[in-house]
Amino acid sequence: MRRSSRLLRRSNPFWWSLFLSVLAARLCFAQTFPTPGYFRGLINQPVTPTQVPSPKALRDYVVAGELRMTLADAVRLMLLNNTDVRMNQLELETSQWAIQRAYQPFDPVGRAGFDATRANTPTSLETEGALTRSDLNQQAQFGYSQTFQTGTRFDTSFNAFKSSTNNIFAFYNPSISSDLNFSLTQPLLRNRGLFPNQAPIVIARRNLSQTRANFEAQINESMSRVVNQYWAVVGARENLKVQKTALEMAEMTYKRNQRELELGALPPLNIFRSESQVASRRVDVIRAEYALKQAEDALRQTLGADLDADVRNLKLNLTEKVETSGELMNVNLDEALQQALAKRPERTALQQQLAVSDINVRLAHNGLQPDLNFSTFYAGSGQSGNRYDTGQSPPTLIDQGGLGDALGQIGRLQYPTYGFSFHLNLPIKNRSAQADLGAALVNKRRGLYSMRQLEQNIDLEVRNAANQLEQTKLSMTAAKVARDLAQKTLEAEQRKYELGASQIFFVLDAQTQLSQAEVSLLQAQISYQRSVTDLDRSTGRLLERHRIQIDEATN
């Protein structure tokens, strides 16, 4: 009992200092130490996806056996179900994980090990005390190391060693020793401070911002595509109505001519003109029907409707009207250009790329600096065990000790070892680092030229979109006038024909002119809707107009 109390008193200072050190480290590096869930994740097998999710929300728009949608509904379904959008989103998630990977150099590392060796060797000297020497060596090691974002590296290790032998001349048998080591290493020139060590993290975050901007640009393109496809279906549907109306007019004229032929009021050869008109109109209707089917299939694929067997064959009922209401959009070219330069995600992505180029230039310059490191260390050791007086025969036991005695010697700083060192690595010529710096500067200049080229392209796109919008506005106004005049011309020719003052040729020609005028007006109206979308895309307002916001990426 007295021996146990003595050992406890001896080890108390060490155990208290060890406990306080661990507690302080735990408080200082609470974010560094992993949680229990981290270790469970190392053991449990991750769930590997085997298939992609089914399309969402499609059946919410099924009304009376039709897929009924506004333009906003089509945009929502595209964002939910479009395969290209989902694949582009995976790039964003990959960049998020790249940030976590950038922290890897600062992850703490714990080490532990235990070795046991039994060795039996023949002896050749009388002083070895036996014909066969038998040694049992057991060693346990524990260590912890971590590099901090200042470039400082901290290492600590604890070793405990136990050795027993049948050699009667051993002073300690069994012999128990232990040592505790601490060391710090700090770069003083190359890799010194926060910047070179945090640069991979900053680059990863910049890359995430760049990927997010690229994702926004891809969303812009996807939205522009779905809007254009929506209006393409509406235009094909209205074009089919125009062609069917033209066919009905041609059939009515043909039936009237047949009656006139039967009454003898029409020469037999004139019936072929109206009959040819009917055949031509039927061809136009067939073409319009299949053009509508192709446009609908393209829109279904963009919306993901082709992935649902219960929805893919439903008729599309698009509720947006092709006719414009209210005032037509007016464009202030200077404001549109300024807005495009401020909001285009492509320019934001390139700005992030230029920022990464600046970081790479600084990193390359850091690689040119000499490598000077300062290191300091401290080590404490202890020795204990069953101590024998080998001067007597046989050797007599003087004192008994254990691991607690060895640890107590470390805690009392009984056998300290400490020191410091400077190490300089000075390359006389560092061509690799010089080449890295030169390449980084070239990449920065390339990025500046890319920015200028992008701004030129944005300027041209905005100007073209504004001019196209103005052209479609004028074309739509002119097409409305042409349609009204064609309608009046047809009515006049029909009255003249009924009075016998005109021929059937002029009536059929007026019908053709009216059909073409209605198609031209329809195309001008669809072109106007597309021009508005193209202007919003070129100025970076497309997401804002449809009230879509991309969440900030977090990991």
Protein backbone atom coordinates (compact mmCIF):
# COMPACT_ATOMS: atom_id res chain seq x y z
CA MET A 1 0.00 0.00 0.00
CA ARG A 2 2.83 2.42 0.86
CA ARG A 3 4.50 1.65 -2.47
CA SER A 4 1.27 2.29 -4.39
CA SER A 5 0.79 5.64 -2.60
CA ARG A 6 4.35 6.60 -3.34
CA LEU A 7 3.95 5.80 -7.04
CA LEU A 8 0.68 7.77 -7.20
CA ARG A 9 2.27 10.81 -5.57
CA ARG A 10 5.16 10.62 -7.97
CA SER A 11 2.97 10.45 -11.04
CA ASN A 12 0.44 13.09 -9.98
CA PRO A 13 2.31 16.10 -11.44
CA PHE A 14 2.70 14.39 -14.77
CA TRP A 15 -0.87 13.20 -15.01
CA TRP A 16 -2.20 16.64 -14.13
CA SER A 17 0.01 18.32 -16.73
CA LEU A 18 -0.95 15.72 -19.34
CA PHE A 19 -4.66 16.17 -18.57
CA LEU A 20 -4.42 19.98 -18.81
CA SER A 21 -2.48 19.76 -22.07
CA VAL A 22 -5.06 17.49 -23.68
CA LEU A 23 -7.90 19.70 -22.42
CA ALA A 24 -6.25 22.85 -23.79
CA ALA A 25 -5.60 21.21 -27.15
CA ARG A 26 -9.19 20.03 -27.31
CA LEU A 27 -10.48 23.56 -26.66
CA CYS A 28 -8.09 25.24 -29.08
CA PHE A 29 -8.64 22.80 -31.94
CA ALA A 30 -12.28 21.86 -31.36
CA GLN A 31 -13.03 22.22 -35.07
CA THR A 32 -10.08 20.02 -35.98
CA PHE A 33 -10.86 17.01 -33.84
CA PRO A 34 -13.31 14.65 -35.56
CA THR A 35 -16.70 13.84 -34.10
CA PRO A 36 -17.93 10.30 -33.33
CA GLY A 37 -19.94 10.42 -36.54
CA TYR A 38 -16.70 10.77 -38.47
CA PHE A 39 -15.42 7.42 -37.20
CA ARG A 40 -18.75 5.76 -37.89
CA GLY A 41 -18.47 6.99 -41.45
CA LEU A 42 -15.08 5.30 -41.79
CA ILE A 43 -16.56 1.94 -40.81
CA ASN A 44 -19.98 2.03 -42.44
CA GLN A 45 -20.17 1.32 -46.16
CA PRO A 46 -21.44 4.38 -48.07
CA VAL A 47 -24.68 4.08 -49.99
CA THR A 48 -23.84 3.96 -53.69
CA PRO A 49 -26.53 5.37 -55.98
CA THR A 50 -27.74 2.90 -58.61
CA GLN A 51 -30.20 5.10 -60.48
CA VAL A 52 -31.17 8.72 -60.89
CA PRO A 53 -34.39 10.07 -59.35
CA SER A 54 -37.63 9.99 -61.29
CA PRO A 55 -38.91 13.24 -62.82
CA LYS A 56 -40.77 15.49 -60.40
CA ALA A 57 -43.97 17.54 -60.43
CA LEU A 58 -45.04 16.52 -63.94
CA ARG A 59 -48.34 15.06 -62.81
CA ASP A 60 -49.21 18.26 -60.98
CA TYR A 61 -49.85 19.82 -64.39
CA VAL A 62 -52.01 17.05 -65.83
CA VAL A 63 -55.50 18.50 -66.36
CA ALA A 64 -58.27 16.64 -68.23
CA GLY A 65 -55.82 14.25 -69.83
CA GLU A 66 -53.50 17.04 -71.03
CA LEU A 67 -50.23 18.48 -69.79
CA ARG A 68 -51.32 22.07 -69.19
CA MET A 69 -48.53 24.62 -68.64
CA THR A 70 -47.76 28.28 -68.64
CA LEU A 71 -44.30 29.49 -69.61
CA ALA A 72 -43.35 29.77 -65.92
CA ASP A 73 -44.49 26.17 -65.39
CA ALA A 74 -42.28 24.99 -68.25
CA VAL A 75 -39.27 26.79 -66.76
CA ARG A 76 -39.92 25.19 -63.35
CA LEU A 77 -40.22 21.69 -64.81
CA MET A 78 -37.03 22.21 -66.79
CA LEU A 79 -35.11 23.21 -63.65
CA LEU A 80 -36.48 20.17 -61.80
CA ASN A 81 -36.09 17.48 -64.42
CA ASN A 82 -33.71 18.49 -67.19
CA THR A 83 -30.79 16.08 -67.40
CA ASP A 84 -28.31 18.72 -68.58
CA VAL A 85 -29.18 20.94 -65.62
CA ARG A 86 -28.67 18.09 -63.17
CA MET A 87 -25.34 17.12 -64.72
CA ASN A 88 -24.15 20.73 -64.56
CA GLN A 89 -25.23 20.87 -60.93
CA LEU A 90 -22.93 17.91 -60.19
CA GLU A 91 -19.98 20.05 -61.27
CA LEU A 92 -21.01 22.54 -58.60
CA GLU A 93 -21.11 19.79 -55.96
CA THR A 94 -17.70 18.53 -57.09
CA SER A 95 -16.25 22.01 -56.55
CA GLN A 96 -17.79 22.05 -53.08
CA TRP A 97 -15.94 18.86 -52.15
CA ALA A 98 -12.74 20.31 -53.59
CA ILE A 99 -12.80 22.91 -50.80
CA GLN A 100 -12.83 20.17 -48.20
CA ARG A 101 -9.97 18.44 -50.02
CA ALA A 102 -7.96 21.67 -49.87
CA TYR A 103 -7.98 21.46 -46.06
CA GLN A 104 -6.29 18.04 -46.15
CA PRO A 105 -2.74 19.32 -45.40
CA PHE A 106 -4.06 20.64 -42.06
CA ASP A 107 -5.77 17.44 -40.96
CA PRO A 108 -4.37 16.08 -37.69
CA VAL A 109 -2.80 12.63 -37.76
CA GLY A 110 -2.79 10.26 -34.82
CA ARG A 111 -0.45 7.29 -34.64
CA ALA A 112 -0.40 4.26 -32.37
CA GLY A 113 1.52 1.03 -32.41
CA PHE A 114 2.58 -1.91 -30.31
CA ASP A 115 5.49 -4.27 -30.99
CA ALA A 116 6.47 -7.42 -29.11
CA THR A 117 9.58 -9.48 -29.88
CA ARG A 118 10.90 -12.66 -28.23
CA ALA A 119 14.50 -13.46 -29.14
CA ASN A 120 16.44 -16.61 -28.07
CA THR A 121 20.12 -16.56 -29.02
CA PRO A 122 23.09 -18.73 -28.03
CA THR A 123 25.70 -17.07 -25.86
CA SER A 124 29.46 -17.14 -26.29
CA LEU A 125 30.61 -15.23 -23.22
CA GLU A 126 30.48 -16.16 -19.57
CA THR A 127 29.42 -12.63 -18.67
CA GLU A 128 26.10 -13.14 -20.41
CA GLY A 129 25.03 -15.32 -17.50
CA ALA A 130 23.38 -18.20 -19.39
CA LEU A 131 24.00 -20.64 -22.23
CA THR A 132 20.98 -19.35 -24.09
CA ARG A 133 20.03 -15.73 -23.89
CA SER A 134 16.30 -15.01 -23.90
CA ASP A 135 15.03 -11.44 -24.37
CA LEU A 136 11.45 -10.14 -24.46
CA ASN A 137 11.03 -6.62 -25.81
CA GLN A 138 7.68 -4.81 -25.84
CA GLN A 139 7.17 -1.29 -27.15
CA ALA A 140 4.13 0.97 -27.41
CA GLN A 141 4.09 4.19 -29.43
CA PHE A 142 1.56 7.03 -29.56
CA GLY A 143 1.92 10.14 -31.68
CA TYR A 144 0.08 13.18 -32.91
CA SER A 145 1.08 15.64 -35.63
CA GLN A 146 -0.56 18.56 -37.36
CA THR A 147 0.34 21.38 -39.72
CA PHE A 148 -1.36 24.70 -39.09
CA GLN A 149 -2.32 27.31 -41.65
CA THR A 150 0.65 29.49 -40.67
CA GLY A 151 2.99 26.73 -41.92
CA THR A 152 3.87 25.68 -38.37
CA ARG A 153 4.17 21.93 -37.89
CA PHE A 154 3.62 20.41 -34.45
CA ASP A 155 4.69 16.86 -33.58
CA THR A 156 4.45 14.98 -30.34
CA SER A 157 5.13 11.36 -29.55
CA PHE A 158 5.14 9.10 -26.52
CA ASN A 159 7.04 5.81 -26.36
CA ALA A 160 7.03 3.19 -23.63
CA PHE A 161 9.49 0.30 -23.72
CA LYS A 162 9.70 -2.82 -21.57
CA SER A 163 12.53 -5.30 -21.79
CA SER A 164 13.14 -8.45 -19.79
CA THR A 165 16.07 -10.86 -20.10
CA ASN A 166 17.60 -13.86 -18.38
CA ASN A 167 20.96 -12.11 -18.22
CA ILE A 168 21.81 -11.97 -14.51
CA PHE A 169 24.09 -8.96 -15.05
CA ALA A 170 21.32 -6.61 -16.21
CA PHE A 171 20.91 -3.59 -13.90
CA TYR A 172 17.13 -3.41 -14.57
CA ASN A 173 15.15 -6.57 -15.17
CA PRO A 174 12.52 -6.01 -16.39
CA SER A 175 13.61 -2.59 -17.63
CA ILE A 176 10.87 -0.02 -18.22
CA SER A 177 11.61 3.25 -20.03
CA SER A 178 9.52 5.96 -21.54
CA ASP A 179 10.03 9.22 -23.38
CA LEU A 180 7.83 12.14 -24.41
CA ASN A 181 8.86 14.37 -27.34
CA PHE A 182 7.56 17.71 -28.61
CA SER A 183 8.79 19.56 -31.67
CA LEU A 184 7.80 22.67 -33.62
CA THR A 185 8.97 23.59 -37.12
CA GLN A 186 8.31 27.00 -38.65
CA PRO A 187 9.28 28.09 -42.19
CA LEU A 188 10.85 31.56 -42.15
CA LEU A 189 11.01 32.38 -45.87
CA ARG A 190 9.39 29.97 -48.32
CA ASN A 191 5.89 28.85 -47.25
CA ARG A 192 5.88 31.32 -44.34
CA GLY A 193 2.61 32.78 -43.14
CA LEU A 194 -1.00 32.31 -44.04
CA PHE A 195 -0.96 33.06 -47.78
CA PRO A 196 1.11 30.17 -49.22
CA ASN A 197 -0.53 27.66 -46.93
CA GLN A 198 -4.09 28.90 -47.39
CA ALA A 199 -3.67 29.45 -51.13
CA PRO A 200 -5.10 26.02 -52.12
CA ILE A 201 -8.17 26.77 -49.99
CA VAL A 202 -8.58 30.23 -51.51
CA ILE A 203 -8.15 28.76 -55.00
CA ALA A 204 -10.74 26.08 -54.24
CA ARG A 205 -13.19 28.72 -53.07
CA ARG A 206 -12.49 30.83 -56.16
CA ASN A 207 -13.02 27.77 -58.32
CA LEU A 208 -16.32 27.16 -56.55
CA SER A 209 -17.40 30.73 -57.30
CA GLN A 210 -16.30 30.28 -60.90
CA THR A 211 -18.19 26.98 -61.17
CA ARG A 212 -21.26 28.63 -59.67
CA ALA A 213 -21.06 31.44 -62.25
CA ASN A 214 -20.61 28.88 -65.03
CA PHE A 215 -23.59 26.98 -63.66
CA GLU A 216 -25.63 30.18 -63.74
CA ALA A 217 -24.56 30.73 -67.36
CA GLN A 218 -25.59 27.18 -68.19
CA ILE A 219 -28.94 27.77 -66.48
CA ASN A 220 -29.32 30.88 -68.63
CA GLU A 221 -28.75 28.82 -71.76
CA SER A 222 -31.13 26.08 -70.59
CA MET A 223 -33.82 28.64 -69.78
CA SER A 224 -33.34 30.34 -73.13
CA ARG A 225 -33.69 26.95 -74.81
CA VAL A 226 -36.87 25.98 -72.96
CA VAL A 227 -38.45 29.40 -73.59
CA ASN A 228 -37.66 29.19 -77.30
CA GLN A 229 -38.96 25.62 -77.44
CA TYR A 230 -42.13 26.69 -75.65
CA TRP A 231 -42.76 29.42 -78.19
CA ALA A 232 -41.80 27.05 -81.00
CA VAL A 233 -44.60 24.73 -79.91
CA VAL A 234 -47.02 27.65 -79.63
CA GLY A 235 -45.94 28.88 -83.05
CA ALA A 236 -46.28 25.41 -84.60
CA ARG A 237 -49.72 25.05 -83.05
CA GLU A 238 -50.90 28.40 -84.36
CA ASN A 239 -49.34 27.69 -87.75
CA LEU A 240 -51.34 24.44 -87.91
CA LYS A 241 -54.49 26.43 -87.20
CA VAL A 242 -53.64 28.85 -90.01
CA GLN A 243 -53.02 26.00 -92.44
CA LYS A 244 -56.25 24.26 -91.44
CA THR A 245 -58.18 27.49 -91.94
CA ALA A 246 -56.57 27.92 -95.36
CA LEU A 247 -57.55 24.32 -96.22
CA GLU A 248 -61.11 24.96 -95.14
CA MET A 249 -61.28 28.08 -97.31
CA ALA A 250 -59.84 26.17 -100.27
CA GLU A 251 -62.33 23.32 -99.77
CA MET A 252 -65.23 25.76 -99.56
CA THR A 253 -64.10 27.40 -102.79
CA TYR A 254 -63.70 23.99 -104.44
CA LYS A 255 -67.22 22.90 -103.39
CA ARG A 256 -68.65 26.16 -104.70
CA ASN A 257 -66.84 25.65 -108.00
CA GLN A 258 -68.21 22.12 -108.21
CA ARG A 259 -71.76 23.43 -107.87
CA GLU A 260 -71.04 26.10 -110.45
CA LEU A 261 -69.63 23.44 -112.77
CA GLU A 262 -72.74 21.32 -112.35
CA LEU A 263 -74.91 24.35 -113.19
CA GLY A 264 -72.77 25.17 -116.20
CA ALA A 265 -71.62 28.50 -114.82
CA LEU A 266 -67.94 27.44 -114.70
CA PRO A 267 -65.82 26.14 -117.57
CA PRO A 268 -64.64 22.54 -116.93
CA LEU A 269 -60.98 23.47 -117.08
CA ASN A 270 -61.26 26.03 -114.26
CA ILE A 271 -62.17 23.38 -111.66
CA PHE A 272 -58.62 22.03 -111.70
CA ARG A 273 -57.19 25.26 -110.27
CA SER A 274 -59.32 25.11 -107.10
CA GLU A 275 -58.75 21.37 -106.80
CA SER A 276 -54.98 21.92 -107.01
CA GLN A 277 -55.30 24.58 -104.30
CA VAL A 278 -57.00 22.04 -101.99
CA ALA A 279 -54.25 19.47 -102.58
CA SER A 280 -51.56 22.04 -101.91
CA ARG A 281 -53.25 23.11 -98.67
CA ARG A 282 -53.48 19.49 -97.51
CA VAL A 283 -49.72 19.16 -97.97
CA ASP A 284 -49.20 22.31 -95.87
CA VAL A 285 -51.44 20.91 -93.12
CA ILE A 286 -49.52 17.60 -93.05
CA ARG A 287 -46.21 19.46 -92.79
CA ALA A 288 -47.58 21.68 -90.03
CA GLU A 289 -48.84 18.64 -88.07
CA TYR A 290 -45.47 16.91 -88.10
CA ALA A 291 -43.61 20.16 -87.35
CA LEU A 292 -45.83 20.50 -84.27
CA LYS A 293 -45.06 16.91 -83.22
CA GLN A 294 -41.31 17.50 -83.53
CA ALA A 295 -41.51 20.73 -81.54
CA GLU A 296 -43.56 19.02 -78.82
CA ASP A 297 -41.12 16.09 -78.59
CA ALA A 298 -38.19 18.48 -78.19
CA LEU A 299 -40.01 20.33 -75.41
CA ARG A 300 -40.97 17.07 -73.68
CA GLN A 301 -37.31 16.02 -73.59
CA THR A 302 -36.25 19.37 -72.12
CA LEU A 303 -38.94 19.11 -69.43
CA GLY A 304 -38.18 15.45 -68.66
CA ALA A 305 -41.72 14.47 -69.68
CA ASP A 306 -40.32 11.75 -71.93
CA LEU A 307 -39.04 9.96 -68.79
CA ASP A 308 -42.54 9.35 -67.41
CA ALA A 309 -44.51 6.69 -69.29
CA ASP A 310 -47.83 8.11 -68.07
CA VAL A 311 -47.04 11.64 -69.24
CA ARG A 312 -44.94 11.31 -72.37
CA ASN A 313 -47.91 10.70 -74.69
CA LEU A 314 -50.20 13.35 -73.24
CA LYS A 315 -51.13 16.29 -75.40
CA LEU A 316 -49.40 19.55 -74.53
CA ASN A 317 -51.74 22.41 -73.70
CA LEU A 318 -49.63 25.57 -73.61
CA THR A 319 -51.70 28.44 -72.28
CA GLU A 320 -49.53 31.41 -73.27
CA LYS A 321 -50.92 33.54 -76.09
CA VAL A 322 -48.71 34.55 -78.93
CA GLU A 323 -50.36 37.97 -79.18
CA THR A 324 -48.61 40.67 -77.16
CA SER A 325 -50.53 42.81 -74.71
CA GLY A 326 -49.61 46.27 -73.54
CA GLU A 327 -46.67 48.28 -74.77
CA LEU A 328 -43.82 46.59 -76.56
CA MET A 329 -40.42 46.51 -74.88
CA ASN A 330 -38.13 49.47 -75.46
CA VAL A 331 -34.37 49.23 -75.07
CA ASN A 332 -31.89 51.82 -73.82
CA LEU A 333 -28.72 50.46 -75.41
CA ASP A 334 -26.25 52.13 -73.02
CA GLU A 335 -28.11 50.88 -69.94
CA ALA A 336 -28.40 47.41 -71.45
CA LEU A 337 -24.64 47.28 -72.08
CA GLN A 338 -23.82 48.40 -68.53
CA GLN A 339 -26.25 45.88 -67.10
CA ALA A 340 -24.77 43.09 -69.21
CA LEU A 341 -21.24 43.83 -68.00
CA ALA A 342 -22.46 43.86 -64.40
CA LYS A 343 -24.68 40.77 -64.46
CA ARG A 344 -23.41 38.35 -67.09
CA PRO A 345 -22.25 35.23 -65.18
CA GLU A 346 -19.61 34.48 -67.80
CA ARG A 347 -17.82 37.68 -66.85
CA THR A 348 -18.08 36.80 -63.15
CA ALA A 349 -16.56 33.39 -63.86
CA LEU A 350 -13.66 34.98 -65.74
CA GLN A 351 -13.08 37.45 -62.90
CA GLN A 352 -12.69 34.51 -60.52
CA GLN A 353 -10.27 32.92 -62.96
CA LEU A 354 -8.19 36.11 -63.03
CA ALA A 355 -8.14 36.13 -59.22
CA VAL A 356 -6.81 32.55 -59.26
CA SER A 357 -4.13 33.66 -61.74
CA ASP A 358 -3.01 36.36 -59.29
CA ILE A 359 -2.75 33.74 -56.55
CA ASN A 360 -0.72 31.46 -58.81
CA VAL A 361 1.68 34.32 -59.58
CA ARG A 362 2.25 34.91 -55.87
CA LEU A 363 2.68 31.18 -55.25
CA ALA A 364 5.21 30.93 -58.07
CA HIS A 365 7.14 33.84 -56.58
CA ASN A 366 7.00 32.12 -53.19
CA GLY A 367 8.66 29.09 -54.80
CA LEU A 368 11.68 31.24 -55.75
CA GLN A 369 12.48 32.12 -52.13
CA PRO A 370 15.11 30.21 -50.13
CA ASP A 371 13.88 27.46 -47.86
CA LEU A 372 14.79 28.48 -44.28
CA ASN A 373 13.24 26.56 -41.40
CA PHE A 374 13.45 27.03 -37.66
CA SER A 375 12.89 24.00 -35.44
CA THR A 376 12.77 23.54 -31.71
CA PHE A 377 12.20 20.42 -29.68
CA TYR A 378 11.89 19.14 -26.16
CA ALA A 379 12.13 15.55 -24.95
CA GLY A 380 11.78 14.04 -21.53
CA SER A 381 12.70 10.50 -20.59
CA GLY A 382 12.34 8.17 -17.65
CA GLN A 383 13.84 4.84 -16.59
CA SER A 384 12.47 2.35 -14.08
CA GLY A 385 11.97 -1.34 -13.38
CA ASN A 386 13.31 -3.92 -10.94
CA ARG A 387 16.80 -2.73 -10.10
CA TYR A 388 19.50 -5.27 -9.11
CA ASP A 389 22.89 -4.97 -7.54
CA THR A 390 25.00 -6.94 -10.00
CA GLY A 391 28.13 -6.60 -7.83
CA GLN A 392 26.86 -9.34 -5.56
CA SER A 393 26.45 -12.97 -6.42
CA PRO A 394 23.73 -13.73 -6.95
CA PRO A 395 22.48 -10.17 -7.81
CA THR A 396 20.13 -8.80 -5.17
CA LEU A 397 17.00 -6.71 -5.73
CA ILE A 398 17.53 -3.13 -4.60
CA ASP A 399 14.30 -1.40 -5.67
CA GLN A 400 11.10 -2.14 -7.50
CA GLY A 401 9.52 0.25 -9.99
CA GLY A 402 7.01 0.36 -12.79
CA LEU A 403 5.71 2.52 -15.60
CA GLY A 404 4.40 5.07 -13.12
CA ASP A 405 7.93 5.76 -11.91
CA ALA A 406 9.16 6.31 -15.48
CA LEU A 407 6.25 8.65 -16.21
CA GLY A 408 6.87 10.52 -12.97
CA GLN A 409 10.44 11.22 -14.02
CA ILE A 410 9.11 12.73 -17.26
CA GLY A 411 6.55 14.80 -15.36
CA ARG A 412 9.22 16.12 -12.99
CA LEU A 413 11.46 17.04 -15.96
CA GLN A 414 14.16 14.90 -14.41
CA TYR A 415 15.94 14.02 -17.68
CA PRO A 416 15.15 16.79 -20.20
CA THR A 417 16.62 17.19 -23.67
CA TYR A 418 15.95 20.33 -25.69
CA GLY A 419 17.39 22.43 -28.45
CA PHE A 420 16.74 24.31 -31.65
CA SER A 421 18.09 24.41 -35.19
CA PHE A 422 18.09 26.44 -38.38
CA HIS A 423 18.18 24.76 -41.81
CA LEU A 424 18.74 26.70 -45.02
CA ASN A 425 18.23 25.29 -48.49
CA LEU A 426 19.46 27.88 -50.97
CA PRO A 427 19.21 26.79 -54.63
CA ILE A 428 21.87 28.51 -56.71
CA LYS A 429 19.55 28.41 -59.73
CA ASN A 430 15.90 27.43 -59.63
CA ARG A 431 14.81 27.15 -63.25
CA SER A 432 11.69 25.17 -62.48
CA ALA A 433 10.36 27.89 -60.15
CA GLN A 434 11.33 30.58 -62.67
CA ALA A 435 9.43 28.70 -65.38
CA ASP A 436 6.41 28.38 -63.08
CA LEU A 437 6.44 32.13 -62.47
CA GLY A 438 6.75 32.87 -66.18
CA ALA A 439 3.89 30.51 -67.03
CA ALA A 440 1.73 32.09 -64.31
CA LEU A 441 2.35 35.56 -65.74
CA VAL A 442 1.50 34.32 -69.24
CA ASN A 443 -1.74 32.80 -67.94
CA LYS A 444 -2.62 36.11 -66.31
CA ARG A 445 -2.10 37.97 -69.57
CA ARG A 446 -4.13 35.35 -71.40
CA GLY A 447 -6.93 35.84 -68.89
CA LEU A 448 -6.86 39.61 -69.46
CA TYR A 449 -7.17 39.12 -73.21
CA SER A 450 -9.98 36.63 -72.61
CA MET A 451 -11.77 39.24 -70.52
CA ARG A 452 -11.44 41.81 -73.27
CA GLN A 453 -12.66 39.31 -75.85
CA LEU A 454 -15.62 38.36 -73.66
CA GLU A 455 -16.59 41.99 -73.13
CA GLN A 456 -16.43 42.57 -76.88
CA ASN A 457 -18.65 39.53 -77.47
CA ILE A 458 -21.11 40.68 -74.80
CA ASP A 459 -21.25 44.12 -76.40
CA LEU A 460 -21.94 42.57 -79.80
CA GLU A 461 -24.57 40.18 -78.40
CA VAL A 462 -26.44 42.99 -76.66
CA ARG A 463 -26.36 45.18 -79.75
CA ASN A 464 -27.56 42.33 -81.95
CA ALA A 465 -30.32 41.43 -79.49
CA ALA A 466 -31.45 45.06 -79.27
CA ASN A 467 -31.43 45.43 -83.06
CA GLN A 468 -33.28 42.14 -83.46
CA LEU A 469 -35.90 43.30 -80.98
CA GLU A 470 -36.43 46.55 -82.86
CA GLN A 471 -36.61 44.67 -86.13
CA THR A 472 -39.23 42.24 -84.83
CA LYS A 473 -41.31 45.12 -83.47
CA LEU A 474 -41.33 46.82 -86.86
CA SER A 475 -41.89 43.51 -88.64
CA MET A 476 -44.82 42.67 -86.39
CA THR A 477 -46.44 46.05 -87.03
CA ALA A 478 -45.95 45.68 -90.77
CA ALA A 479 -47.20 42.07 -90.71
CA LYS A 480 -50.40 43.14 -88.97
CA VAL A 481 -51.03 45.75 -91.68
CA ALA A 482 -50.25 43.20 -94.40
CA ARG A 483 -52.60 40.64 -92.85
CA ASP A 484 -55.45 43.19 -92.62
CA LEU A 485 -54.93 44.25 -96.23
CA ALA A 486 -54.81 40.62 -97.38
CA GLN A 487 -58.06 39.96 -95.55
CA LYS A 488 -59.71 42.95 -97.23
CA THR A 489 -58.31 41.93 -100.62
CA LEU A 490 -59.79 38.45 -100.27
CA GLU A 491 -63.17 39.82 -99.29
CA ALA A 492 -63.11 42.17 -102.28
CA GLU A 493 -62.12 39.45 -104.74
CA GLN A 494 -64.84 37.17 -103.41
CA ARG A 495 -67.48 39.87 -103.90
CA LYS A 496 -66.20 40.63 -107.38
CA TYR A 497 -66.20 36.93 -108.24
CA GLU A 498 -69.76 36.54 -106.98
CA LEU A 499 -70.79 39.48 -109.19
CA GLY A 500 -69.00 37.96 -112.17
CA ALA A 501 -66.46 40.75 -112.37
CA SER A 502 -63.43 38.57 -111.47
CA GLN A 503 -62.04 35.14 -112.14
CA ILE A 504 -61.50 32.25 -109.71
CA PHE A 505 -57.72 32.67 -110.15
CA PHE A 506 -57.78 35.98 -108.31
CA VAL A 507 -59.85 34.55 -105.45
CA LEU A 508 -57.46 31.63 -104.98
CA ASP A 509 -54.47 33.95 -105.17
CA ALA A 510 -56.03 36.20 -102.53
CA GLN A 511 -56.54 33.17 -100.29
CA THR A 512 -52.87 32.25 -100.70
CA GLN A 513 -51.78 35.81 -99.94
CA LEU A 514 -53.93 35.87 -96.79
CA SER A 515 -52.51 32.55 -95.58
CA GLN A 516 -48.96 33.78 -96.16
CA ALA A 517 -49.72 37.07 -94.39
CA GLU A 518 -51.10 35.24 -91.34
CA VAL A 519 -48.02 32.97 -91.25
CA SER A 520 -45.75 36.04 -91.52
CA LEU A 521 -47.60 37.73 -88.66
CA LEU A 522 -47.35 34.60 -86.55
CA GLN A 523 -43.62 34.32 -87.24
CA ALA A 524 -43.11 37.99 -86.36
CA GLN A 525 -44.97 37.53 -83.05
CA ILE A 526 -42.94 34.44 -82.16
CA SER A 527 -39.74 36.24 -83.19
CA TYR A 528 -40.66 39.11 -80.87
CA GLN A 529 -41.07 36.74 -77.89
CA ARG A 530 -37.76 35.09 -78.71
CA SER A 531 -36.05 38.46 -79.13
CA VAL A 532 -37.21 39.50 -75.66
CA THR A 533 -35.76 36.28 -74.24
CA ASP A 534 -32.50 36.74 -76.15
CA LEU A 535 -32.16 40.31 -74.88
CA ASP A 536 -32.76 39.16 -71.30
CA ARG A 537 -30.15 36.42 -71.73
CA SER A 538 -27.54 38.75 -73.27
CA THR A 539 -28.01 41.32 -70.48
CA GLY A 540 -28.03 38.73 -67.69
CA ARG A 541 -31.63 39.44 -66.65
CA LEU A 542 -33.21 36.13 -67.67
CA LEU A 543 -33.12 34.54 -64.21
CA GLU A 544 -34.30 37.75 -62.61
CA ARG A 545 -37.23 38.06 -65.02
CA HIS A 546 -38.38 34.53 -64.19
CA ARG A 547 -37.69 35.03 -60.46
CA ILE A 548 -35.10 32.30 -60.22
CA GLN A 549 -32.28 32.47 -57.70
CA ILE A 550 -29.36 30.09 -57.34
CA ASP A 551 -28.56 29.37 -53.70
CA GLU A 552 -25.09 30.05 -52.42
CA ALA A 553 -23.03 26.87 -52.43
CA THR A 554 -21.96 25.76 -48.98
CA ASN A 555 -20.01 22.75 -47.77
